[in-house]
C-alpha atoms as a PDB file:
ATOM      1  CA  MET A   1     -50.460 159.173 300.305  1.00  0.00           C
ATOM      2  CA  ILE A   2     -47.694 159.967 302.488  1.00  0.00           C
ATOM      3  CA  VAL A   3     -47.853 156.506 303.965  1.00  0.00           C
ATOM      4  CA  SER A   4     -47.623 154.812 300.414  1.00  0.00           C
ATOM      5  CA  ILE A   5     -44.244 156.800 299.879  1.00  0.00           C
ATOM      6  CA  LEU A   6     -42.272 156.611 302.870  1.00  0.00           C
ATOM      7  CA  ALA A   7     -42.877 152.759 303.528  1.00  0.00           C
ATOM      8  CA  PRO A   8     -41.379 151.812 300.200  1.00  0.00           C
ATOM      9  CA  PHE A   9     -38.959 153.967 299.979  1.00  0.00           C
ATOM     10  CA  THR A  10     -37.938 153.379 303.754  1.00  0.00           C
ATOM     11  CA  PHE A  11     -37.982 149.393 303.103  1.00  0.00           C
ATOM     12  CA  GLY A  12     -36.582 149.920 299.654  1.00  0.00           C
ATOM     13  CA  LEU A  13     -33.748 151.558 300.590  1.00  0.00           C
ATOM     14  CA  SER A  14     -32.968 149.770 303.711  1.00  0.00           C
ATOM     15  CA  PHE A  15     -32.678 146.722 301.679  1.00  0.00           C
ATOM     16  CA  PHE A  16     -30.243 148.224 298.875  1.00  0.00           C
ATOM     17  CA  LEU A  17     -28.111 149.343 301.588  1.00  0.00           C
ATOM     18  CA  PHE A  18     -28.101 146.067 303.815  1.00  0.00           C
ATOM     19  CA  GLY A  19     -27.372 144.385 300.259  1.00  0.00           C
ATOM     20  CA  MET A  20     -24.307 146.634 299.690  1.00  0.00           C
ATOM     21  CA  TYR A  21     -22.984 146.379 302.657  1.00  0.00           C
ATOM     22  CA  ALA A  22     -23.551 142.235 302.977  1.00  0.00           C
ATOM     23  CA  MET A  23     -22.195 142.035 299.397  1.00  0.00           C
ATOM     24  CA  ARG A  24     -19.366 144.490 300.728  1.00  0.00           C
ATOM     25  CA  THR A  25     -18.317 142.449 303.389  1.00  0.00           C
ATOM     26  CA  GLY A  26     -18.436 139.224 301.707  1.00  0.00           C
ATOM     27  CA  PHE A  27     -15.615 141.042 298.711  1.00  0.00           C
ATOM     28  CA  GLN A  28     -13.821 142.281 301.849  1.00  0.00           C
ATOM     29  CA  ASN A  29     -13.585 138.433 303.040  1.00  0.00           C
ATOM     30  CA  LEU A  30     -12.806 137.120 300.222  1.00  0.00           C
ATOM     31  CA  ALA A  31     -10.269 139.417 298.789  1.00  0.00           C
ATOM     32  CA  GLY A  32     -10.132 142.791 301.208  1.00  0.00           C
ATOM     33  CA  LYS A  33      -6.705 141.693 302.932  1.00  0.00           C
ATOM     34  CA  LYS A  34      -5.042 140.835 299.919  1.00  0.00           C
ATOM     35  CA  MET A  35      -6.457 144.004 298.013  1.00  0.00           C
ATOM     36  CA  GLU A  36      -4.693 146.540 300.890  1.00  0.00           C
ATOM     37  CA  GLN A  37      -1.290 144.381 299.981  1.00  0.00           C
ATOM     38  CA  TRP A  38      -1.890 145.430 295.714  1.00  0.00           C
ATOM     39  CA  MET A  39      -3.123 148.420 296.406  1.00  0.00           C
ATOM     40  CA  GLY A  40       0.761 149.152 298.665  1.00  0.00           C
ATOM     41  CA  ARG A  41       2.402 147.048 295.855  1.00  0.00           C
ATOM     42  CA  PHE A  42       0.908 147.893 292.402  1.00  0.00           C
ATOM     43  CA  THR A  43       0.301 151.396 292.880  1.00  0.00           C
ATOM     44  CA  ARG A  44       4.154 152.662 291.334  1.00  0.00           C
ATOM     45  CA  THR A  45       2.370 154.264 288.385  1.00  0.00           C
ATOM     46  CA  PRO A  46      -0.551 156.381 287.531  1.00  0.00           C
ATOM     47  CA  ILE A  47      -1.643 153.503 284.827  1.00  0.00           C
ATOM     48  CA  HIS A  48      -1.544 150.616 287.499  1.00  0.00           C
ATOM     49  CA  SER A  49      -2.951 153.011 290.199  1.00  0.00           C
ATOM     50  CA  PHE A  50      -5.871 153.537 287.939  1.00  0.00           C
ATOM     51  CA  TRP A  51      -6.141 150.071 286.960  1.00  0.00           C
ATOM     52  CA  MET A  52      -5.645 149.476 290.896  1.00  0.00           C
ATOM     53  CA  GLY A  53      -8.822 151.930 292.157  1.00  0.00           C
ATOM     54  CA  LEU A  54     -11.075 150.233 288.861  1.00  0.00           C
ATOM     55  CA  LEU A  55     -10.689 147.065 290.636  1.00  0.00           C
ATOM     56  CA  SER A  56     -11.186 147.735 294.252  1.00  0.00           C
ATOM     57  CA  THR A  57     -13.729 149.565 293.616  1.00  0.00           C
ATOM     58  CA  PHE A  58     -15.804 146.624 291.895  1.00  0.00           C
ATOM     59  CA  VAL A  59     -14.279 144.387 294.667  1.00  0.00           C
ATOM     60  CA  LEU A  60     -15.510 146.335 297.567  1.00  0.00           C
ATOM     61  CA  GLN A  61     -18.238 147.984 295.605  1.00  0.00           C
ATOM     62  CA  SER A  62     -17.874 151.455 296.920  1.00  0.00           C
ATOM     63  CA  SER A  63     -15.926 154.317 295.509  1.00  0.00           C
ATOM     64  CA  SER A  64     -15.957 155.775 299.063  1.00  0.00           C
ATOM     65  CA  ALA A  65     -14.666 152.619 301.066  1.00  0.00           C
ATOM     66  CA  VAL A  66     -11.699 152.922 298.525  1.00  0.00           C
ATOM     67  CA  THR A  67     -11.241 156.091 298.854  1.00  0.00           C
ATOM     68  CA  VAL A  68     -11.355 155.554 302.899  1.00  0.00           C
ATOM     69  CA  LEU A  69      -8.565 152.938 302.388  1.00  0.00           C
ATOM     70  CA  THR A  70      -6.386 154.578 300.057  1.00  0.00           C
ATOM     71  CA  ILE A  71      -6.731 157.859 302.635  1.00  0.00           C
ATOM     72  CA  GLY A  72      -5.720 154.951 306.007  1.00  0.00           C
ATOM     73  CA  LEU A  73      -2.222 153.789 303.477  1.00  0.00           C
ATOM     74  CA  THR A  74      -1.229 157.285 302.565  1.00  0.00           C
ATOM     75  CA  ASN A  75      -1.566 158.117 306.292  1.00  0.00           C
ATOM     76  CA  ALA A  76       0.235 155.008 307.428  1.00  0.00           C
ATOM     77  CA  GLY A  77       2.914 156.157 305.194  1.00  0.00           C
ATOM     78  CA  ILE A  78       2.481 152.902 302.750  1.00  0.00           C
ATOM     79  CA  ILE A  79       1.626 154.737 299.539  1.00  0.00           C
ATOM     80  CA  ARG A  80       2.642 158.690 298.972  1.00  0.00           C
ATOM     81  CA  PHE A  81      -0.008 161.011 297.449  1.00  0.00           C
ATOM     82  CA  ARG A  82       1.386 160.942 294.187  1.00  0.00           C
ATOM     83  CA  GLN A  83       0.507 157.586 293.816  1.00  0.00           C
ATOM     84  CA  THR A  84      -3.244 158.362 295.138  1.00  0.00           C
ATOM     85  CA  VAL A  85      -4.102 160.643 292.046  1.00  0.00           C
ATOM     86  CA  GLY A  86      -4.334 157.226 289.759  1.00  0.00           C
ATOM     87  CA  ILE A  87      -6.533 155.081 292.132  1.00  0.00           C
ATOM     88  CA  ILE A  88      -9.278 158.145 292.611  1.00  0.00           C
ATOM     89  CA  LEU A  89      -9.440 158.323 288.858  1.00  0.00           C
ATOM     90  CA  GLY A  90     -10.011 154.698 288.747  1.00  0.00           C
ATOM     91  CA  THR A  91     -12.704 154.573 291.516  1.00  0.00           C
ATOM     92  CA  ASN A  92     -14.816 156.992 289.866  1.00  0.00           C
ATOM     93  CA  LEU A  93     -15.100 154.598 286.843  1.00  0.00           C
ATOM     94  CA  GLY A  94     -15.422 151.576 288.740  1.00  0.00           C
ATOM     95  CA  THR A  95     -18.378 152.535 290.390  1.00  0.00           C
ATOM     96  CA  THR A  96     -19.953 152.344 286.979  1.00  0.00           C
ATOM     97  CA  VAL A  97     -19.981 148.522 286.693  1.00  0.00           C
ATOM     98  CA  THR A  98     -22.197 148.440 289.728  1.00  0.00           C
ATOM     99  CA  THR A  99     -24.560 151.000 288.144  1.00  0.00           C
ATOM    100  CA  GLU A 100     -24.484 149.119 284.432  1.00  0.00           C
ATOM    101  CA  LEU A 101     -25.287 145.661 286.060  1.00  0.00           C
ATOM    102  CA  ILE A 102     -27.892 147.335 287.901  1.00  0.00           C
ATOM    103  CA  ALA A 103     -29.596 148.956 284.708  1.00  0.00           C
ATOM    104  CA  LEU A 104     -30.139 145.495 283.733  1.00  0.00           C
ATOM    105  CA  LYS A 105     -33.581 145.164 285.214  1.00  0.00           C
ATOM    106  CA  LEU A 106     -32.325 142.044 287.441  1.00  0.00           C
ATOM    107  CA  GLU A 107     -35.194 142.176 289.976  1.00  0.00           C
ATOM    108  CA  SER A 108     -36.653 139.342 288.769  1.00  0.00           C
ATOM    109  CA  PHE A 109     -34.186 137.276 290.304  1.00  0.00           C
ATOM    110  CA  ALA A 110     -33.592 139.254 293.613  1.00  0.00           C
ATOM    111  CA  ILE A 111     -35.581 136.262 295.640  1.00  0.00           C
ATOM    112  CA  PRO A 112     -33.681 133.213 294.080  1.00  0.00           C
ATOM    113  CA  MET A 113     -30.028 135.028 294.891  1.00  0.00           C
ATOM    114  CA  LEU A 114     -31.362 135.465 298.568  1.00  0.00           C
ATOM    115  CA  LEU A 115     -32.316 131.836 299.103  1.00  0.00           C
ATOM    116  CA  ILE A 116     -29.069 130.471 297.036  1.00  0.00           C
ATOM    117  CA  GLY A 117     -27.102 133.475 299.066  1.00  0.00           C
ATOM    118  CA  VAL A 118     -28.672 131.773 302.213  1.00  0.00           C
ATOM    119  CA  ALA A 119     -27.875 128.088 300.976  1.00  0.00           C
ATOM    120  CA  LEU A 120     -24.314 129.373 300.639  1.00  0.00           C
ATOM    121  CA  TRP A 121     -23.897 131.088 303.721  1.00  0.00           C
ATOM    122  CA  LEU A 122     -25.194 128.039 306.150  1.00  0.00           C
ATOM    123  CA  MET A 123     -22.417 126.020 304.305  1.00  0.00           C
ATOM    124  CA  PRO A 124     -19.029 124.905 306.522  1.00  0.00           C
ATOM    125  CA  ARG A 125     -16.549 126.539 304.007  1.00  0.00           C
ATOM    126  CA  ARG A 126     -15.504 129.964 304.553  1.00  0.00           C
ATOM    127  CA  ASN A 127     -15.325 131.142 300.898  1.00  0.00           C
ATOM    128  CA  ILE A 128     -18.223 129.381 300.265  1.00  0.00           C
ATOM    129  CA  ARG A 129     -20.463 131.676 303.596  1.00  0.00           C
ATOM    130  CA  CYS A 130     -18.551 134.636 301.648  1.00  0.00           C
ATOM    131  CA  THR A 131     -19.596 133.928 298.250  1.00  0.00           C
ATOM    132  CA  GLY A 132     -23.086 133.497 299.733  1.00  0.00           C
ATOM    133  CA  LEU A 133     -22.625 137.048 301.099  1.00  0.00           C
ATOM    134  CA  VAL A 134     -21.924 138.020 298.055  1.00  0.00           C
ATOM    135  CA  VAL A 135     -24.855 136.690 296.172  1.00  0.00           C
ATOM    136  CA  ALA A 136     -27.590 137.484 298.643  1.00  0.00           C
ATOM    137  CA  GLY A 137     -26.149 141.198 299.010  1.00  0.00           C
ATOM    138  CA  PHE A 138     -27.016 141.108 295.169  1.00  0.00           C
ATOM    139  CA  GLY A 139     -30.435 139.340 295.571  1.00  0.00           C
ATOM    140  CA  LEU A 140     -31.100 142.477 298.511  1.00  0.00           C
ATOM    141  CA  ILE A 141     -30.098 145.227 295.899  1.00  0.00           C
ATOM    142  CA  PHE A 142     -32.274 143.897 293.487  1.00  0.00           C
ATOM    143  CA  LEU A 143     -34.901 143.481 296.010  1.00  0.00           C
ATOM    144  CA  GLY A 144     -34.359 147.137 296.823  1.00  0.00           C
ATOM    145  CA  ILE A 145     -34.752 148.351 293.547  1.00  0.00           C
ATOM    146  CA  ASP A 146     -38.043 146.789 293.288  1.00  0.00           C
ATOM    147  CA  THR A 147     -39.551 147.888 296.412  1.00  0.00           C
ATOM    148  CA  LEU A 148     -37.940 151.428 295.568  1.00  0.00           C
ATOM    149  CA  LYS A 149     -40.620 151.226 292.301  1.00  0.00           C
ATOM    150  CA  LEU A 150     -43.678 151.367 294.386  1.00  0.00           C
ATOM    151  CA  MET A 151     -42.998 154.894 295.476  1.00  0.00           C
ATOM    152  CA  ALA A 152     -42.886 155.886 292.088  1.00  0.00           C
ATOM    153  CA  ALA A 153     -46.692 155.670 290.872  1.00  0.00           C
ATOM    154  CA  PRO A 154     -47.960 157.588 294.770  1.00  0.00           C
ATOM    155  CA  LEU A 155     -45.762 160.241 293.628  1.00  0.00           C
ATOM    156  CA  GLU A 156     -46.707 161.006 290.285  1.00  0.00           C
ATOM    157  CA  GLN A 157     -49.986 161.080 291.129  1.00  0.00           C
ATOM    158  CA  SER A 158     -49.053 163.691 294.361  1.00  0.00           C
ATOM    159  CA  GLU A 159     -49.968 167.358 293.341  1.00  0.00           C
ATOM    160  CA  THR A 160     -47.775 168.556 295.487  1.00  0.00           C
ATOM    161  CA  PHE A 161     -44.884 166.908 294.307  1.00  0.00           C
ATOM    162  CA  ARG A 162     -45.895 167.485 290.414  1.00  0.00           C
ATOM    163  CA  SER A 163     -46.094 171.253 291.367  1.00  0.00           C
ATOM    164  CA  LEU A 164     -42.893 171.240 293.226  1.00  0.00           C
ATOM    165  CA  PHE A 165     -40.655 168.978 290.606  1.00  0.00           C
ATOM    166  CA  LEU A 166     -42.325 171.280 287.684  1.00  0.00           C
ATOM    167  CA  GLU A 167     -40.770 174.244 289.276  1.00  0.00           C
ATOM    168  CA  SER A 168     -37.148 172.846 289.236  1.00  0.00           C
ATOM    169  CA  SER A 169     -37.554 169.381 286.351  1.00  0.00           C
ATOM    170  CA  HIS A 170     -35.005 171.645 284.143  1.00  0.00           C
ATOM    171  CA  SER A 171     -33.152 173.443 286.544  1.00  0.00           C
ATOM    172  CA  ILE A 172     -29.903 171.229 286.163  1.00  0.00           C
ATOM    173  CA  GLY A 173     -28.274 172.993 289.129  1.00  0.00           C
ATOM    174  CA  VAL A 174     -31.399 171.808 291.709  1.00  0.00           C
ATOM    175  CA  GLY A 175     -30.924 168.572 290.379  1.00  0.00           C
ATOM    176  CA  LEU A 176     -26.980 168.395 290.933  1.00  0.00           C
ATOM    177  CA  LEU A 177     -27.381 169.982 294.249  1.00  0.00           C
ATOM    178  CA  THR A 178     -29.828 167.303 295.048  1.00  0.00           C
ATOM    179  CA  GLY A 179     -27.599 164.514 293.959  1.00  0.00           C
ATOM    180  CA  ILE A 180     -24.647 166.185 296.739  1.00  0.00           C
ATOM    181  CA  ILE A 181     -27.229 166.439 299.952  1.00  0.00           C
ATOM    182  CA  PHE A 182     -29.214 163.279 299.323  1.00  0.00           C
ATOM    183  CA  THR A 183     -25.709 160.919 298.589  1.00  0.00           C
ATOM    184  CA  GLY A 184     -24.260 163.097 301.262  1.00  0.00           C
ATOM    185  CA  LEU A 185     -27.404 161.859 304.032  1.00  0.00           C
ATOM    186  CA  ILE A 186     -27.097 158.128 302.933  1.00  0.00           C
ATOM    187  CA  HIS A 187     -23.226 157.547 301.849  1.00  0.00           C
ATOM    188  CA  SER A 188     -24.501 155.671 298.683  1.00  0.00           C
ATOM    189  CA  GLY A 189     -23.956 157.379 295.263  1.00  0.00           C
ATOM    190  CA  SER A 190     -25.528 153.644 293.554  1.00  0.00           C
ATOM    191  CA  ALA A 191     -28.334 154.424 295.507  1.00  0.00           C
ATOM    192  CA  THR A 192     -29.084 157.775 294.545  1.00  0.00           C
ATOM    193  CA  THR A 193     -28.592 156.624 291.095  1.00  0.00           C
ATOM    194  CA  VAL A 194     -31.297 153.746 291.940  1.00  0.00           C
ATOM    195  CA  ILE A 195     -33.702 155.889 292.813  1.00  0.00           C
ATOM    196  CA  THR A 196     -32.921 157.982 289.825  1.00  0.00           C
ATOM    197  CA  MET A 197     -33.639 155.454 287.621  1.00  0.00           C
ATOM    198  CA  GLY A 198     -36.621 154.748 289.028  1.00  0.00           C
ATOM    199  CA  LEU A 199     -38.243 158.116 289.088  1.00  0.00           C
ATOM    200  CA  LEU A 200     -36.720 159.022 285.212  1.00  0.00           C
ATOM    201  CA  SER A 201     -38.645 155.571 284.290  1.00  0.00           C
ATOM    202  CA  HIS A 202     -42.473 157.057 285.410  1.00  0.00           C
ATOM    203  CA  ASN A 203     -41.786 160.344 283.420  1.00  0.00           C
ATOM    204  CA  ILE A 204     -41.092 161.850 286.878  1.00  0.00           C
ATOM    205  CA  LEU A 205     -37.749 163.011 286.400  1.00  0.00           C
ATOM    206  CA  SER A 206     -36.390 164.920 282.698  1.00  0.00           C
ATOM    207  CA  MET A 207     -33.197 163.073 281.531  1.00  0.00           C
ATOM    208  CA  GLU A 208     -30.990 166.624 281.451  1.00  0.00           C
ATOM    209  CA  THR A 209     -32.098 166.827 285.233  1.00  0.00           C
ATOM    210  CA  ALA A 210     -31.546 163.085 286.145  1.00  0.00           C
ATOM    211  CA  ILE A 211     -28.140 163.045 285.249  1.00  0.00           C
ATOM    212  CA  ALA A 212     -27.299 166.019 287.187  1.00  0.00           C
ATOM    213  CA  ILE A 213     -28.610 164.368 290.081  1.00  0.00           C
ATOM    214  CA  VAL A 214     -25.817 161.302 289.249  1.00  0.00           C
ATOM    215  CA  LEU A 215     -23.251 164.129 288.924  1.00  0.00           C
ATOM    216  CA  GLY A 216     -24.415 165.454 291.798  1.00  0.00           C
ATOM    217  CA  ALA A 217     -24.225 161.796 293.128  1.00  0.00           C
ATOM    218  CA  ASN A 218     -20.566 161.406 292.438  1.00  0.00           C
ATOM    219  CA  ILE A 219     -19.549 164.637 294.358  1.00  0.00           C
ATOM    220  CA  GLY A 220     -21.937 163.153 297.439  1.00  0.00           C
ATOM    221  CA  THR A 221     -19.875 160.916 297.678  1.00  0.00           C
ATOM    222  CA  CYS A 222     -16.889 162.566 298.538  1.00  0.00           C
ATOM    223  CA  PHE A 223     -18.186 163.889 301.958  1.00  0.00           C
ATOM    224  CA  THR A 224     -17.346 159.959 303.682  1.00  0.00           C
ATOM    225  CA  ALA A 225     -13.463 160.729 302.446  1.00  0.00           C
ATOM    226  CA  ILE A 226     -13.261 164.219 303.949  1.00  0.00           C
ATOM    227  CA  ILE A 227     -14.829 162.855 307.501  1.00  0.00           C
ATOM    228  CA  ALA A 228     -12.431 160.429 306.764  1.00  0.00           C
ATOM    229  CA  SER A 229      -9.616 162.611 306.795  1.00  0.00           C
ATOM    230  CA  ILE A 230     -10.219 164.586 310.140  1.00  0.00           C
ATOM    231  CA  GLY A 231      -7.457 163.893 312.123  1.00  0.00           C
ATOM    232  CA  THR A 232      -4.862 162.410 309.416  1.00  0.00           C
ATOM    233  CA  ASN A 233      -1.673 163.866 308.203  1.00  0.00           C
ATOM    234  CA  THR A 234      -1.947 166.839 305.579  1.00  0.00           C
ATOM    235  CA  ALA A 235      -0.829 163.876 302.453  1.00  0.00           C
ATOM    236  CA  SER A 236      -4.350 162.142 304.106  1.00  0.00           C
ATOM    237  CA  LYS A 237      -6.111 165.324 303.529  1.00  0.00           C
ATOM    238  CA  GLN A 238      -4.448 165.895 300.151  1.00  0.00           C
ATOM    239  CA  VAL A 239      -6.219 162.569 298.850  1.00  0.00           C
ATOM    240  CA  ALA A 240      -9.656 163.947 300.384  1.00  0.00           C
ATOM    241  CA  TRP A 241      -9.951 166.831 298.390  1.00  0.00           C
ATOM    242  CA  CYS A 242      -8.130 165.450 295.148  1.00  0.00           C
ATOM    243  CA  HIS A 243     -11.052 163.121 295.509  1.00  0.00           C
ATOM    244  CA  THR A 244     -13.325 166.060 296.343  1.00  0.00           C
ATOM    245  CA  LEU A 245     -12.094 168.877 293.883  1.00  0.00           C
ATOM    246  CA  PHE A 246     -11.658 166.490 290.714  1.00  0.00           C
ATOM    247  CA  ASN A 247     -15.725 164.950 290.616  1.00  0.00           C
ATOM    248  CA  VAL A 248     -16.591 168.702 290.919  1.00  0.00           C
ATOM    249  CA  ALA A 249     -14.308 169.976 288.136  1.00  0.00           C
ATOM    250  CA  GLY A 250     -15.568 167.340 285.988  1.00  0.00           C
ATOM    251  CA  ALA A 251     -19.345 168.044 286.887  1.00  0.00           C
ATOM    252  CA  LEU A 252     -19.081 171.411 286.301  1.00  0.00           C
ATOM    253  CA  ALA A 253     -17.249 171.040 283.247  1.00  0.00           C
ATOM    254  CA  PHE A 254     -20.589 168.426 281.626  1.00  0.00           C
ATOM    255  CA  LEU A 255     -23.247 170.826 283.181  1.00  0.00           C
ATOM    256  CA  PRO A 256     -23.143 172.962 279.862  1.00  0.00           C
ATOM    257  CA  ILE A 257     -23.659 170.060 277.735  1.00  0.00           C
ATOM    258  CA  LEU A 258     -25.763 168.195 279.440  1.00  0.00           C
ATOM    259  CA  PRO A 259     -28.667 167.948 276.558  1.00  0.00           C
ATOM    260  CA  GLN A 260     -25.595 166.639 273.910  1.00  0.00           C
ATOM    261  CA  LEU A 261     -24.737 163.728 276.767  1.00  0.00           C
ATOM    262  CA  SER A 262     -28.410 162.938 276.856  1.00  0.00           C
ATOM    263  CA  LEU A 263     -28.697 162.395 273.212  1.00  0.00           C
ATOM    264  CA  VAL A 264     -25.509 160.006 272.950  1.00  0.00           C
ATOM    265  CA  SER A 265     -26.925 157.986 275.499  1.00  0.00           C
ATOM    266  CA  ALA A 266     -30.313 157.588 273.975  1.00  0.00           C
ATOM    267  CA  PHE A 267     -28.519 157.003 270.879  1.00  0.00           C
ATOM    268  CA  LEU A 268     -27.091 153.647 272.827  1.00  0.00           C
ATOM    269  CA  THR A 269     -30.130 152.563 273.657  1.00  0.00           C
ATOM    270  CA  SER A 270     -33.887 153.536 274.278  1.00  0.00           C
ATOM    271  CA  ASN A 271     -34.323 152.019 278.160  1.00  0.00           C
ATOM    272  CA  PRO A 272     -34.178 154.959 280.100  1.00  0.00           C
ATOM    273  CA  SER A 273     -32.036 153.151 283.068  1.00  0.00           C
ATOM    274  CA  MET A 274     -29.613 152.478 280.922  1.00  0.00           C
ATOM    275  CA  GLN A 275     -29.568 155.743 279.421  1.00  0.00           C
ATOM    276  CA  ILE A 276     -28.685 156.518 283.117  1.00  0.00           C
ATOM    277  CA  ALA A 277     -25.878 154.019 283.405  1.00  0.00           C
ATOM    278  CA  HIS A 278     -24.420 154.881 280.191  1.00  0.00           C
ATOM    279  CA  SER A 279     -23.887 158.310 280.845  1.00  0.00           C
ATOM    280  CA  GLN A 280     -22.297 158.042 284.046  1.00  0.00           C
ATOM    281  CA  THR A 281     -20.164 155.779 282.291  1.00  0.00           C
ATOM    282  CA  ILE A 282     -19.199 158.262 280.034  1.00  0.00           C
ATOM    283  CA  PHE A 283     -18.666 161.054 281.927  1.00  0.00           C
ATOM    284  CA  ASN A 284     -16.467 159.091 284.224  1.00  0.00           C
ATOM    285  CA  LEU A 285     -14.676 157.746 281.333  1.00  0.00           C
ATOM    286  CA  VAL A 286     -14.164 160.704 279.782  1.00  0.00           C
ATOM    287  CA  CYS A 287     -12.983 162.420 283.128  1.00  0.00           C
ATOM    288  CA  SER A 288     -10.549 159.828 283.763  1.00  0.00           C
ATOM    289  CA  LEU A 289      -8.648 159.232 280.722  1.00  0.00           C
ATOM    290  CA  VAL A 290      -8.796 163.383 280.217  1.00  0.00           C
ATOM    291  CA  ALA A 291      -6.721 163.806 283.509  1.00  0.00           C
ATOM    292  CA  LEU A 292      -4.882 160.069 283.416  1.00  0.00           C
ATOM    293  CA  PRO A 293      -1.945 161.598 281.579  1.00  0.00           C
ATOM    294  CA  PHE A 294      -1.667 164.571 283.804  1.00  0.00           C
ATOM    295  CA  THR A 295      -1.839 162.938 287.448  1.00  0.00           C
ATOM    296  CA  SER A 296       1.774 164.786 288.275  1.00  0.00           C
ATOM    297  CA  GLN A 297       0.042 167.867 287.582  1.00  0.00           C
ATOM    298  CA  ILE A 298      -2.935 167.504 289.167  1.00  0.00           C
ATOM    299  CA  ALA A 299      -0.819 165.886 292.082  1.00  0.00           C
ATOM    300  CA  SER A 300       1.316 169.114 292.433  1.00  0.00           C
ATOM    301  CA  PHE A 301      -1.800 171.790 292.156  1.00  0.00           C
ATOM    302  CA  ILE A 302      -3.356 169.753 295.411  1.00  0.00           C
ATOM    303  CA  GLN A 303       0.300 170.017 296.880  1.00  0.00           C
ATOM    304  CA  TRP A 304      -0.048 173.430 296.557  1.00  0.00           C
ATOM    305  CA  LEU A 305      -3.296 173.833 297.524  1.00  0.00           C
ATOM    306  CA  ILE A 306      -3.369 171.979 300.614  1.00  0.00           C
ATOM    307  CA  PRO A 307       0.656 172.087 301.626  1.00  0.00           C
ATOM    308  CA  ASP A 308       1.997 170.425 304.415  1.00  0.00           C
ATOM    309  CA  LYS A 309       2.643 172.731 307.278  1.00  0.00           C
ATOM    310  CA  ARG A 310       5.188 170.402 309.003  1.00  0.00           C
ATOM    311  CA  ILE A 311       8.270 173.072 309.660  1.00  0.00           C
ATOM    312  CA  PRO A 312      11.724 171.251 308.664  1.00  0.00           C
ATOM    313  CA  ILE A 313      14.324 170.756 311.447  1.00  0.00           C
ATOM    314  CA  LYS A 314      17.449 172.868 310.879  1.00  0.00           C
ATOM    315  CA  ARG A 315      20.638 170.787 312.066  1.00  0.00           C
ATOM    316  CA  SER A 316      23.481 172.897 313.673  1.00  0.00           C
END
């Protein structure tokens, strides 16, 4: 029983994370250097910063990667902290693009995409090879999803797991904490969401608990940014904690209305995986749009919370 659960989990998660890495590497080689230049140039207003955060997250396939890049640019003095608030709001919405694609259930294309990607990788031209990495990455992601599904059946039959789950299946607090911890350990909110989709499709999770896990995954992605901000200047630390506190505040605000969010998602689609994807999109869209007009106030609050401790030099 343990082997039948651990084997698909290990291989599936490995395929998924390696696919994310391959796709991110391909995108970075195609547009990564330009992305850094664009982020330094096109973040003059909160709206521009928001769209840059959204686009960057889609290209780099990781809100954590974009946040770490933003911390690096802030630490280097290329952009100011106040310019980064819009980027942070955009990254949260950008992550939903990947989730929506994953929910389309394209696993049947996994092997063809992997083969096409490898064929393109063998081509001599650099751009074609990078495109091959992106295509192969998508193939590995869908292969990982297909493999992860294999662990759902033994989990469903496990009396230990079922008794453990029944005690917490309706506890959104446990779901939130699970999403935070698991995402913090594997450094991928998308992987946590995929596993949640698989468990939900086999009726191992309730919809409210599944959504709570996804909200927790949003918070768990911030661990990488916090680690990256260690040893940097105050502005960089402000970026990391702004991202973290924003996601925590959004999750806490939505916890009381998870049943309503679940009903809205069920109205939009009957597919459980799509319901999870739509719930995450609605959550991030609402949080970002509500906060966007108040980026200046958010920045001021974070600067008050984490002040710059540099002592000004007095001139005689």
